[in-house]
Amino acid sequence: MKMYSSWCEVRGSKGLEQYSWEQWCWALHMVQSRSIRLAITGCKVMIPGIDLLNHGGPSANGQLVLGKASWQVEGEPAVVFVTTQNITAGQQVLWSYGTRGNDDFFVYHGFSLPDNPDDDVVLFDDVEHLVQYAIQKLHHLLQQQQQAAAAAAAGCLAATRIKRSSLPAQ
């Protein structure tokens, strides 16, 4: 929401048309679901047509490489999709989106894999959050133990009290 607010502020200051939150979310999702992070460059890019290829995981029959495309005469290297095996007519061309958990596949690509071996759950953002959680739990546990000890001591004290009237007269 913060990014959307900043974007609206900048557009408003320039007198540009504003878009609704729903339009913003749609546009952001279109970019996120169609862009990829290239391992060969480390950059997130949008390559026309590459979003038409489905994730094949270990069954992928092609990959992206940095090289010269057949239509290039000169210039910078291009990102090129190269098949890693013969593709027969009607066979689906697949590539690997990488090893990721289902949360990543769902948020960025709109699908999840059954029995994904790379699925994970993030319990803590970092070690600091883990330590804070442990301290809170330890504090709560110590409070419970102190309350239990106090209750036990009170029970023992009550059991040892003797009414004066039950004592033999001297």
N, C-alpha and C. Protein backbone atom coordinates (compact mmCIF):
# COMPACT_ATOMS: atom_id res chain seq x y z
N MET A 1 0.83 -1.19 0.00
CA MET A 1 0.00 0.00 0.00
C MET A 1 0.88 1.26 0.00
N LYS A 2 2.04 1.16 0.69
CA LYS A 2 2.94 2.30 0.76
C LYS A 2 3.47 2.67 -0.63
N MET A 3 3.80 1.64 -1.41
CA MET A 3 4.31 1.90 -2.76
C MET A 3 3.22 2.54 -3.62
N TYR A 4 1.98 2.06 -3.47
CA TYR A 4 0.86 2.62 -4.23
C TYR A 4 0.65 4.08 -3.84
N SER A 5 0.68 4.38 -2.54
CA SER A 5 0.49 5.76 -2.07
C SER A 5 1.57 6.69 -2.62
N SER A 6 2.82 6.21 -2.60
CA SER A 6 3.93 7.02 -3.14
C SER A 6 3.75 7.26 -4.63
N TRP A 7 3.33 6.22 -5.34
CA TRP A 7 3.11 6.32 -6.78
C TRP A 7 2.02 7.35 -7.08
N CYS A 8 0.91 7.30 -6.31
CA CYS A 8 -0.19 8.26 -6.50
C CYS A 8 0.27 9.68 -6.21
N GLU A 9 1.09 9.83 -5.18
CA GLU A 9 1.60 11.16 -4.80
C GLU A 9 2.43 11.76 -5.94
N VAL A 10 3.32 10.96 -6.51
CA VAL A 10 4.18 11.44 -7.60
C VAL A 10 3.33 11.78 -8.82
N ARG A 11 2.40 10.89 -9.18
CA ARG A 11 1.55 11.15 -10.35
C ARG A 11 0.68 12.38 -10.12
N GLY A 12 0.16 12.54 -8.90
CA GLY A 12 -0.67 13.70 -8.58
C GLY A 12 0.11 14.99 -8.67
N SER A 13 1.37 14.97 -8.22
CA SER A 13 2.19 16.18 -8.26
C SER A 13 2.52 16.61 -9.69
N LYS A 14 2.42 15.67 -10.62
CA LYS A 14 2.70 15.97 -12.04
C LYS A 14 1.43 16.16 -12.84
N GLY A 15 0.28 16.11 -12.15
CA GLY A 15 -1.00 16.30 -12.83
C GLY A 15 -1.39 15.14 -13.73
N LEU A 16 -0.84 13.96 -13.46
CA LEU A 16 -1.14 12.80 -14.29
C LEU A 16 -2.37 12.06 -13.76
N GLU A 17 -2.99 11.29 -14.63
CA GLU A 17 -4.19 10.53 -14.28
C GLU A 17 -3.89 9.54 -13.15
N GLN A 18 -4.83 9.42 -12.22
CA GLN A 18 -4.70 8.47 -11.12
C GLN A 18 -5.40 7.16 -11.47
N TYR A 19 -4.93 6.09 -10.91
CA TYR A 19 -5.54 4.78 -11.11
C TYR A 19 -5.98 4.23 -9.76
N SER A 20 -7.02 3.40 -9.80
CA SER A 20 -7.56 2.84 -8.56
C SER A 20 -6.60 1.79 -8.00
N TRP A 21 -6.83 1.43 -6.74
CA TRP A 21 -6.05 0.38 -6.08
C TRP A 21 -6.17 -0.93 -6.88
N GLU A 22 -7.37 -1.24 -7.35
CA GLU A 22 -7.58 -2.47 -8.11
C GLU A 22 -6.77 -2.45 -9.41
N GLN A 23 -6.76 -1.30 -10.10
CA GLN A 23 -5.98 -1.19 -11.34
C GLN A 23 -4.48 -1.33 -11.05
N TRP A 24 -4.04 -0.73 -9.95
CA TRP A 24 -2.64 -0.82 -9.53
C TRP A 24 -2.26 -2.28 -9.28
N CYS A 25 -3.09 -2.99 -8.51
CA CYS A 25 -2.82 -4.40 -8.19
C CYS A 25 -2.77 -5.25 -9.45
N TRP A 26 -3.71 -5.01 -10.37
CA TRP A 26 -3.74 -5.76 -11.62
C TRP A 26 -2.43 -5.54 -12.39
N ALA A 27 -2.04 -4.29 -12.55
CA ALA A 27 -0.82 -3.97 -13.31
C ALA A 27 0.42 -4.57 -12.65
N LEU A 28 0.50 -4.46 -11.33
CA LEU A 28 1.64 -5.02 -10.60
C LEU A 28 1.70 -6.53 -10.78
N HIS A 29 0.54 -7.18 -10.70
CA HIS A 29 0.51 -8.63 -10.89
C HIS A 29 0.91 -9.02 -12.31
N MET A 30 0.49 -8.25 -13.29
CA MET A 30 0.87 -8.54 -14.68
C MET A 30 2.39 -8.51 -14.83
N VAL A 31 3.03 -7.53 -14.22
CA VAL A 31 4.50 -7.44 -14.31
C VAL A 31 5.14 -8.59 -13.54
N GLN A 32 4.69 -8.82 -12.31
CA GLN A 32 5.31 -9.87 -11.49
C GLN A 32 5.12 -11.26 -12.07
N SER A 33 3.96 -11.53 -12.64
CA SER A 33 3.69 -12.88 -13.14
C SER A 33 4.33 -13.13 -14.51
N ARG A 34 4.81 -12.08 -15.16
CA ARG A 34 5.40 -12.24 -16.49
C ARG A 34 6.88 -11.88 -16.55
N SER A 35 7.44 -11.53 -15.42
CA SER A 35 8.87 -11.22 -15.41
C SER A 35 9.61 -12.36 -14.71
N ILE A 36 10.85 -12.51 -15.06
CA ILE A 36 11.67 -13.58 -14.49
C ILE A 36 13.01 -13.01 -14.04
N ARG A 37 13.60 -13.68 -13.07
CA ARG A 37 14.95 -13.32 -12.64
C ARG A 37 15.91 -14.26 -13.37
N LEU A 38 16.75 -13.68 -14.18
CA LEU A 38 17.70 -14.48 -14.95
C LEU A 38 18.90 -14.84 -14.09
N ALA A 39 19.13 -16.13 -13.92
CA ALA A 39 20.29 -16.57 -13.15
C ALA A 39 21.58 -16.14 -13.84
N ILE A 40 21.56 -16.06 -15.16
CA ILE A 40 22.77 -15.72 -15.90
C ILE A 40 23.15 -14.25 -15.77
N THR A 41 22.20 -13.39 -15.39
CA THR A 41 22.51 -11.96 -15.23
C THR A 41 22.18 -11.45 -13.84
N GLY A 42 21.28 -12.13 -13.11
CA GLY A 42 20.85 -11.68 -11.79
C GLY A 42 19.78 -10.60 -11.84
N CYS A 43 19.38 -10.21 -13.06
CA CYS A 43 18.39 -9.15 -13.23
C CYS A 43 17.00 -9.74 -13.43
N LYS A 44 15.98 -8.99 -12.98
CA LYS A 44 14.60 -9.37 -13.25
C LYS A 44 14.20 -8.67 -14.54
N VAL A 45 13.70 -9.45 -15.50
CA VAL A 45 13.41 -8.91 -16.83
C VAL A 45 12.08 -9.45 -17.34
N MET A 46 11.55 -8.75 -18.33
CA MET A 46 10.39 -9.24 -19.08
C MET A 46 10.86 -9.52 -20.49
N ILE A 47 10.69 -10.77 -20.90
CA ILE A 47 11.10 -11.18 -22.24
C ILE A 47 9.83 -11.54 -23.01
N PRO A 48 9.53 -10.83 -24.06
CA PRO A 48 8.29 -11.12 -24.81
C PRO A 48 8.20 -12.60 -25.18
N GLY A 49 7.07 -13.19 -24.83
CA GLY A 49 6.81 -14.57 -25.19
C GLY A 49 7.28 -15.61 -24.19
N ILE A 50 8.25 -15.27 -23.36
CA ILE A 50 8.80 -16.27 -22.43
C ILE A 50 7.76 -16.70 -21.40
N ASP A 51 6.81 -15.82 -21.11
CA ASP A 51 5.77 -16.17 -20.14
C ASP A 51 4.77 -17.18 -20.70
N LEU A 52 4.89 -17.50 -21.99
CA LEU A 52 4.03 -18.53 -22.59
C LEU A 52 4.52 -19.94 -22.29
N LEU A 53 5.78 -20.05 -21.86
CA LEU A 53 6.35 -21.36 -21.56
C LEU A 53 5.95 -21.77 -20.14
N ASN A 54 5.52 -23.00 -19.99
CA ASN A 54 5.14 -23.52 -18.68
C ASN A 54 6.33 -24.10 -17.94
N HIS A 55 6.17 -24.18 -16.63
CA HIS A 55 7.21 -24.75 -15.75
C HIS A 55 7.24 -26.26 -15.93
N GLY A 56 8.39 -26.79 -16.23
CA GLY A 56 8.53 -28.23 -16.39
C GLY A 56 9.30 -28.88 -15.27
N GLY A 57 9.93 -28.05 -14.41
CA GLY A 57 10.74 -28.63 -13.34
C GLY A 57 11.78 -29.57 -13.92
N PRO A 58 11.87 -30.78 -13.35
CA PRO A 58 12.87 -31.72 -13.86
C PRO A 58 12.57 -32.24 -15.27
N SER A 59 11.33 -32.03 -15.74
CA SER A 59 10.96 -32.46 -17.10
C SER A 59 11.19 -31.38 -18.15
N ALA A 60 11.82 -30.27 -17.75
CA ALA A 60 12.07 -29.17 -18.69
C ALA A 60 12.86 -29.69 -19.89
N ASN A 61 12.50 -29.18 -21.07
CA ASN A 61 13.21 -29.61 -22.28
C ASN A 61 13.88 -28.43 -22.99
N GLY A 62 14.12 -27.37 -22.21
CA GLY A 62 14.82 -26.21 -22.75
C GLY A 62 15.31 -25.32 -21.63
N GLN A 63 16.14 -24.35 -21.99
CA GLN A 63 16.68 -23.42 -21.01
C GLN A 63 17.03 -22.09 -21.66
N LEU A 64 17.17 -21.08 -20.83
CA LEU A 64 17.60 -19.77 -21.32
C LEU A 64 19.11 -19.69 -21.24
N VAL A 65 19.70 -19.14 -22.29
CA VAL A 65 21.16 -18.96 -22.31
C VAL A 65 21.46 -17.56 -22.83
N LEU A 66 22.62 -17.08 -22.50
CA LEU A 66 23.07 -15.79 -22.99
C LEU A 66 23.96 -16.06 -24.21
N GLY A 67 23.56 -15.54 -25.35
CA GLY A 67 24.34 -15.79 -26.57
C GLY A 67 23.83 -14.95 -27.72
N LYS A 68 24.18 -15.34 -28.90
CA LYS A 68 23.75 -14.65 -30.11
C LYS A 68 22.54 -15.38 -30.70
N ALA A 69 21.52 -14.62 -31.01
CA ALA A 69 20.36 -15.21 -31.68
C ALA A 69 20.68 -15.32 -33.17
N SER A 70 20.04 -16.26 -33.85
CA SER A 70 20.34 -16.50 -35.26
C SER A 70 20.06 -15.28 -36.14
N TRP A 71 19.17 -14.41 -35.69
CA TRP A 71 18.84 -13.22 -36.50
C TRP A 71 19.75 -12.03 -36.20
N GLN A 72 20.61 -12.15 -35.18
CA GLN A 72 21.49 -11.04 -34.82
C GLN A 72 22.71 -11.02 -35.74
N VAL A 73 23.01 -9.83 -36.24
CA VAL A 73 24.21 -9.66 -37.04
C VAL A 73 25.36 -9.22 -36.15
N GLU A 74 25.07 -8.28 -35.25
CA GLU A 74 26.10 -7.78 -34.33
C GLU A 74 25.41 -7.23 -33.09
N GLY A 75 26.20 -6.78 -32.16
CA GLY A 75 25.64 -6.17 -30.96
C GLY A 75 25.81 -7.03 -29.72
N GLU A 76 25.11 -6.61 -28.68
CA GLU A 76 25.19 -7.28 -27.39
C GLU A 76 24.59 -8.69 -27.46
N PRO A 77 25.07 -9.58 -26.59
CA PRO A 77 24.47 -10.92 -26.55
C PRO A 77 22.99 -10.82 -26.17
N ALA A 78 22.22 -11.78 -26.60
CA ALA A 78 20.79 -11.82 -26.32
C ALA A 78 20.48 -13.01 -25.42
N VAL A 79 19.35 -12.93 -24.73
CA VAL A 79 18.86 -14.08 -23.98
C VAL A 79 18.08 -14.93 -24.96
N VAL A 80 18.47 -16.19 -25.09
CA VAL A 80 17.91 -17.08 -26.09
C VAL A 80 17.41 -18.35 -25.41
N PHE A 81 16.24 -18.85 -25.84
CA PHE A 81 15.73 -20.13 -25.34
C PHE A 81 16.26 -21.22 -26.25
N VAL A 82 16.91 -22.21 -25.66
CA VAL A 82 17.51 -23.31 -26.42
C VAL A 82 16.93 -24.61 -25.89
N THR A 83 16.47 -25.46 -26.80
CA THR A 83 15.96 -26.76 -26.38
C THR A 83 17.12 -27.66 -25.99
N THR A 84 16.88 -28.53 -25.02
CA THR A 84 17.93 -29.45 -24.56
C THR A 84 17.69 -30.86 -25.08
N GLN A 85 16.64 -31.03 -25.87
CA GLN A 85 16.32 -32.31 -26.50
C GLN A 85 15.45 -32.04 -27.71
N ASN A 86 15.30 -33.03 -28.55
CA ASN A 86 14.44 -32.87 -29.73
C ASN A 86 13.00 -32.70 -29.27
N ILE A 87 12.30 -31.77 -29.89
CA ILE A 87 10.89 -31.51 -29.59
C ILE A 87 10.07 -32.02 -30.77
N THR A 88 9.13 -32.89 -30.47
CA THR A 88 8.28 -33.43 -31.55
C THR A 88 7.07 -32.52 -31.73
N ALA A 89 6.45 -32.62 -32.89
CA ALA A 89 5.26 -31.83 -33.18
C ALA A 89 4.19 -32.12 -32.13
N GLY A 90 3.63 -31.06 -31.56
CA GLY A 90 2.58 -31.20 -30.55
C GLY A 90 3.10 -31.33 -29.13
N GLN A 91 4.41 -31.53 -28.96
CA GLN A 91 4.99 -31.65 -27.62
C GLN A 91 5.10 -30.26 -27.00
N GLN A 92 4.79 -30.17 -25.73
CA GLN A 92 4.87 -28.88 -25.04
C GLN A 92 6.33 -28.53 -24.76
N VAL A 93 6.68 -27.28 -24.99
CA VAL A 93 8.02 -26.79 -24.68
C VAL A 93 7.99 -26.28 -23.24
N LEU A 94 8.86 -26.83 -22.41
CA LEU A 94 8.88 -26.51 -20.98
C LEU A 94 10.26 -26.03 -20.57
N TRP A 95 10.28 -25.18 -19.59
CA TRP A 95 11.53 -24.79 -18.97
C TRP A 95 11.32 -24.72 -17.47
N SER A 96 12.38 -24.63 -16.72
CA SER A 96 12.27 -24.63 -15.26
C SER A 96 12.25 -23.21 -14.73
N TYR A 97 11.26 -22.91 -13.89
CA TYR A 97 11.20 -21.61 -13.22
C TYR A 97 12.16 -21.58 -12.03
N GLY A 98 12.81 -22.70 -11.76
CA GLY A 98 13.74 -22.80 -10.65
C GLY A 98 13.14 -23.59 -9.50
N THR A 99 13.96 -23.83 -8.51
CA THR A 99 13.50 -24.54 -7.32
C THR A 99 12.94 -23.52 -6.35
N ARG A 100 11.63 -23.59 -6.13
CA ARG A 100 10.93 -22.60 -5.30
C ARG A 100 9.82 -23.30 -4.52
N GLY A 101 9.42 -22.65 -3.45
CA GLY A 101 8.29 -23.13 -2.68
C GLY A 101 6.99 -22.76 -3.37
N ASN A 102 5.91 -23.43 -2.97
CA ASN A 102 4.60 -23.17 -3.58
C ASN A 102 4.11 -21.75 -3.34
N ASP A 103 4.51 -21.13 -2.23
CA ASP A 103 4.08 -19.75 -1.99
C ASP A 103 4.61 -18.85 -3.10
N ASP A 104 5.85 -19.06 -3.51
CA ASP A 104 6.45 -18.25 -4.57
C ASP A 104 5.77 -18.55 -5.92
N PHE A 105 5.60 -19.83 -6.22
CA PHE A 105 4.92 -20.19 -7.47
C PHE A 105 3.52 -19.58 -7.53
N PHE A 106 2.80 -19.65 -6.41
CA PHE A 106 1.41 -19.15 -6.41
C PHE A 106 1.36 -17.63 -6.55
N VAL A 107 2.16 -16.92 -5.76
CA VAL A 107 2.12 -15.45 -5.79
C VAL A 107 2.58 -14.90 -7.13
N TYR A 108 3.66 -15.46 -7.66
CA TYR A 108 4.25 -14.88 -8.87
C TYR A 108 3.81 -15.52 -10.18
N HIS A 109 3.27 -16.75 -10.11
CA HIS A 109 2.91 -17.42 -11.36
C HIS A 109 1.50 -18.00 -11.37
N GLY A 110 0.82 -17.98 -10.23
CA GLY A 110 -0.58 -18.39 -10.18
C GLY A 110 -0.81 -19.89 -10.15
N PHE A 111 0.17 -20.69 -9.75
CA PHE A 111 -0.05 -22.13 -9.63
C PHE A 111 0.76 -22.66 -8.44
N SER A 112 0.46 -23.86 -8.04
CA SER A 112 1.27 -24.56 -7.04
C SER A 112 1.44 -26.00 -7.49
N LEU A 113 2.47 -26.64 -6.99
CA LEU A 113 2.78 -28.02 -7.39
C LEU A 113 2.38 -28.99 -6.28
N PRO A 114 1.70 -30.07 -6.64
CA PRO A 114 1.42 -31.08 -5.61
C PRO A 114 2.73 -31.74 -5.19
N ASP A 115 2.89 -31.99 -3.94
CA ASP A 115 4.10 -32.65 -3.41
C ASP A 115 5.39 -31.96 -3.84
N ASN A 116 5.41 -30.64 -3.77
CA ASN A 116 6.59 -29.86 -4.15
C ASN A 116 7.73 -30.14 -3.16
N PRO A 117 8.84 -30.75 -3.61
CA PRO A 117 9.94 -31.05 -2.68
C PRO A 117 10.65 -29.79 -2.17
N ASP A 118 10.41 -28.66 -2.81
CA ASP A 118 11.07 -27.41 -2.40
C ASP A 118 10.15 -26.52 -1.59
N ASP A 119 8.97 -27.03 -1.22
CA ASP A 119 8.04 -26.23 -0.42
C ASP A 119 8.63 -26.01 0.96
N ASP A 120 8.40 -24.85 1.51
CA ASP A 120 8.93 -24.52 2.83
C ASP A 120 7.99 -23.57 3.55
N VAL A 121 8.26 -23.39 4.82
CA VAL A 121 7.50 -22.46 5.63
C VAL A 121 8.51 -21.60 6.39
N VAL A 122 8.39 -20.30 6.27
CA VAL A 122 9.28 -19.39 6.98
C VAL A 122 8.68 -19.13 8.35
N LEU A 123 9.39 -19.54 9.39
CA LEU A 123 8.90 -19.34 10.75
C LEU A 123 9.33 -17.99 11.31
N PHE A 124 10.51 -17.55 10.95
CA PHE A 124 11.04 -16.29 11.46
C PHE A 124 11.74 -15.56 10.32
N ASP A 125 11.59 -14.24 10.28
CA ASP A 125 12.23 -13.45 9.22
C ASP A 125 13.75 -13.45 9.36
N ASP A 126 14.23 -13.46 10.61
CA ASP A 126 15.66 -13.45 10.85
C ASP A 126 15.93 -13.94 12.27
N VAL A 127 17.19 -14.01 12.66
CA VAL A 127 17.57 -14.52 13.97
C VAL A 127 17.03 -13.63 15.08
N GLU A 128 16.98 -12.33 14.85
CA GLU A 128 16.47 -11.41 15.87
C GLU A 128 15.02 -11.74 16.24
N HIS A 129 14.19 -12.03 15.24
CA HIS A 129 12.80 -12.40 15.51
C HIS A 129 12.72 -13.73 16.27
N LEU A 130 13.60 -14.66 15.94
CA LEU A 130 13.65 -15.94 16.65
C LEU A 130 14.00 -15.71 18.12
N VAL A 131 15.00 -14.89 18.38
CA VAL A 131 15.42 -14.60 19.76
C VAL A 131 14.29 -13.91 20.53
N GLN A 132 13.64 -12.94 19.92
CA GLN A 132 12.51 -12.26 20.57
C GLN A 132 11.42 -13.24 20.94
N TYR A 133 11.11 -14.15 20.02
CA TYR A 133 10.08 -15.16 20.28
C TYR A 133 10.50 -16.06 21.45
N ALA A 134 11.76 -16.51 21.44
CA ALA A 134 12.25 -17.39 22.50
C ALA A 134 12.21 -16.69 23.86
N ILE A 135 12.58 -15.42 23.90
CA ILE A 135 12.55 -14.66 25.17
C ILE A 135 11.12 -14.53 25.67
N GLN A 136 10.18 -14.22 24.78
CA GLN A 136 8.77 -14.11 25.18
C GLN A 136 8.25 -15.43 25.73
N LYS A 137 8.57 -16.54 25.04
CA LYS A 137 8.12 -17.86 25.49
C LYS A 137 8.76 -18.22 26.83
N LEU A 138 10.05 -17.93 26.99
CA LEU A 138 10.75 -18.21 28.24
C LEU A 138 10.15 -17.40 29.38
N HIS A 139 9.87 -16.13 29.14
CA HIS A 139 9.26 -15.25 30.15
C HIS A 139 7.90 -15.82 30.57
N HIS A 140 7.10 -16.22 29.59
CA HIS A 140 5.77 -16.79 29.87
C HIS A 140 5.90 -18.09 30.68
N LEU A 141 6.86 -18.94 30.29
CA LEU A 141 7.09 -20.21 31.00
C LEU A 141 7.52 -19.95 32.44
N LEU A 142 8.41 -18.99 32.65
CA LEU A 142 8.86 -18.67 34.01
C LEU A 142 7.70 -18.13 34.85
N GLN A 143 6.84 -17.31 34.27
CA GLN A 143 5.67 -16.82 35.00
C GLN A 143 4.77 -17.98 35.42
N GLN A 144 4.56 -18.93 34.52
CA GLN A 144 3.72 -20.09 34.84
C GLN A 144 4.35 -20.91 35.97
N GLN A 145 5.66 -21.10 35.91
CA GLN A 145 6.34 -21.86 36.96
C GLN A 145 6.27 -21.15 38.30
N GLN A 146 6.44 -19.83 38.30
CA GLN A 146 6.35 -19.06 39.54
C GLN A 146 4.94 -19.15 40.13
N GLN A 147 3.93 -19.06 39.28
CA GLN A 147 2.54 -19.16 39.76
C GLN A 147 2.27 -20.55 40.33
N ALA A 148 2.79 -21.58 39.67
CA ALA A 148 2.60 -22.96 40.15
C ALA A 148 3.32 -23.15 41.49
N ALA A 149 4.53 -22.61 41.61
CA ALA A 149 5.30 -22.73 42.86
C ALA A 149 4.60 -21.98 43.99
N ALA A 150 4.06 -20.81 43.69
CA ALA A 150 3.34 -20.02 44.70
C ALA A 150 2.09 -20.75 45.15
N ALA A 151 1.38 -21.36 44.22
CA ALA A 151 0.17 -22.11 44.57
C ALA A 151 0.52 -23.32 45.43
N ALA A 152 1.61 -24.02 45.10
CA ALA A 152 2.03 -25.18 45.88
C ALA A 152 2.45 -24.76 47.28
N ALA A 153 3.18 -23.65 47.38
CA ALA A 153 3.61 -23.16 48.70
C ALA A 153 2.41 -22.77 49.54
N ALA A 154 1.44 -22.12 48.93
CA ALA A 154 0.23 -21.73 49.66
C ALA A 154 -0.51 -22.96 50.15
N GLY A 155 -0.55 -24.01 49.34
CA GLY A 155 -1.21 -25.26 49.74
C GLY A 155 -0.50 -25.91 50.91
N CYS A 156 0.85 -25.91 50.86
CA CYS A 156 1.63 -26.48 51.96
C CYS A 156 1.42 -25.68 53.24
N LEU A 157 1.41 -24.38 53.14
CA LEU A 157 1.22 -23.51 54.29
C LEU A 157 -0.15 -23.75 54.91
N ALA A 158 -1.16 -23.89 54.09
CA ALA A 158 -2.52 -24.13 54.59
C ALA A 158 -2.59 -25.47 55.31
N ALA A 159 -1.87 -26.47 54.80
CA ALA A 159 -1.89 -27.81 55.42
C ALA A 159 -1.17 -27.83 56.75
N THR A 160 -0.21 -26.93 56.95
CA THR A 160 0.55 -26.93 58.21
C THR A 160 -0.08 -26.05 59.28
N ARG A 161 -1.06 -25.27 58.93
CA ARG A 161 -1.71 -24.43 59.94
C ARG A 161 -2.61 -25.29 60.83
N ILE A 162 -2.53 -25.05 62.05
CA ILE A 162 -3.34 -25.78 63.00
C ILE A 162 -4.13 -24.78 63.81
N LYS A 163 -5.39 -25.07 63.97
CA LYS A 163 -6.22 -24.13 64.74
C LYS A 163 -5.84 -24.25 66.22
N ARG A 164 -5.80 -23.13 66.91
CA ARG A 164 -5.48 -23.14 68.33
C ARG A 164 -6.48 -23.98 69.12
N SER A 165 -7.69 -23.95 68.67
CA SER A 165 -8.70 -24.69 69.43
C SER A 165 -8.48 -26.18 69.34
N SER A 166 -7.75 -26.66 68.34
CA SER A 166 -7.52 -28.10 68.23
C SER A 166 -6.30 -28.55 69.01
N LEU A 167 -5.54 -27.60 69.54
CA LEU A 167 -4.36 -27.95 70.35
C LEU A 167 -4.80 -28.33 71.76
N PRO A 168 -4.10 -29.28 72.39
CA PRO A 168 -4.42 -29.65 73.78
C PRO A 168 -4.16 -28.46 74.72
N ALA A 169 -4.97 -28.33 75.71
CA ALA A 169 -4.80 -27.24 76.67
C ALA A 169 -3.58 -27.48 77.52
N GLN A 170 -2.92 -26.43 77.93
CA GLN A 170 -1.71 -26.57 78.74
C GLN A 170 -1.99 -26.33 80.17
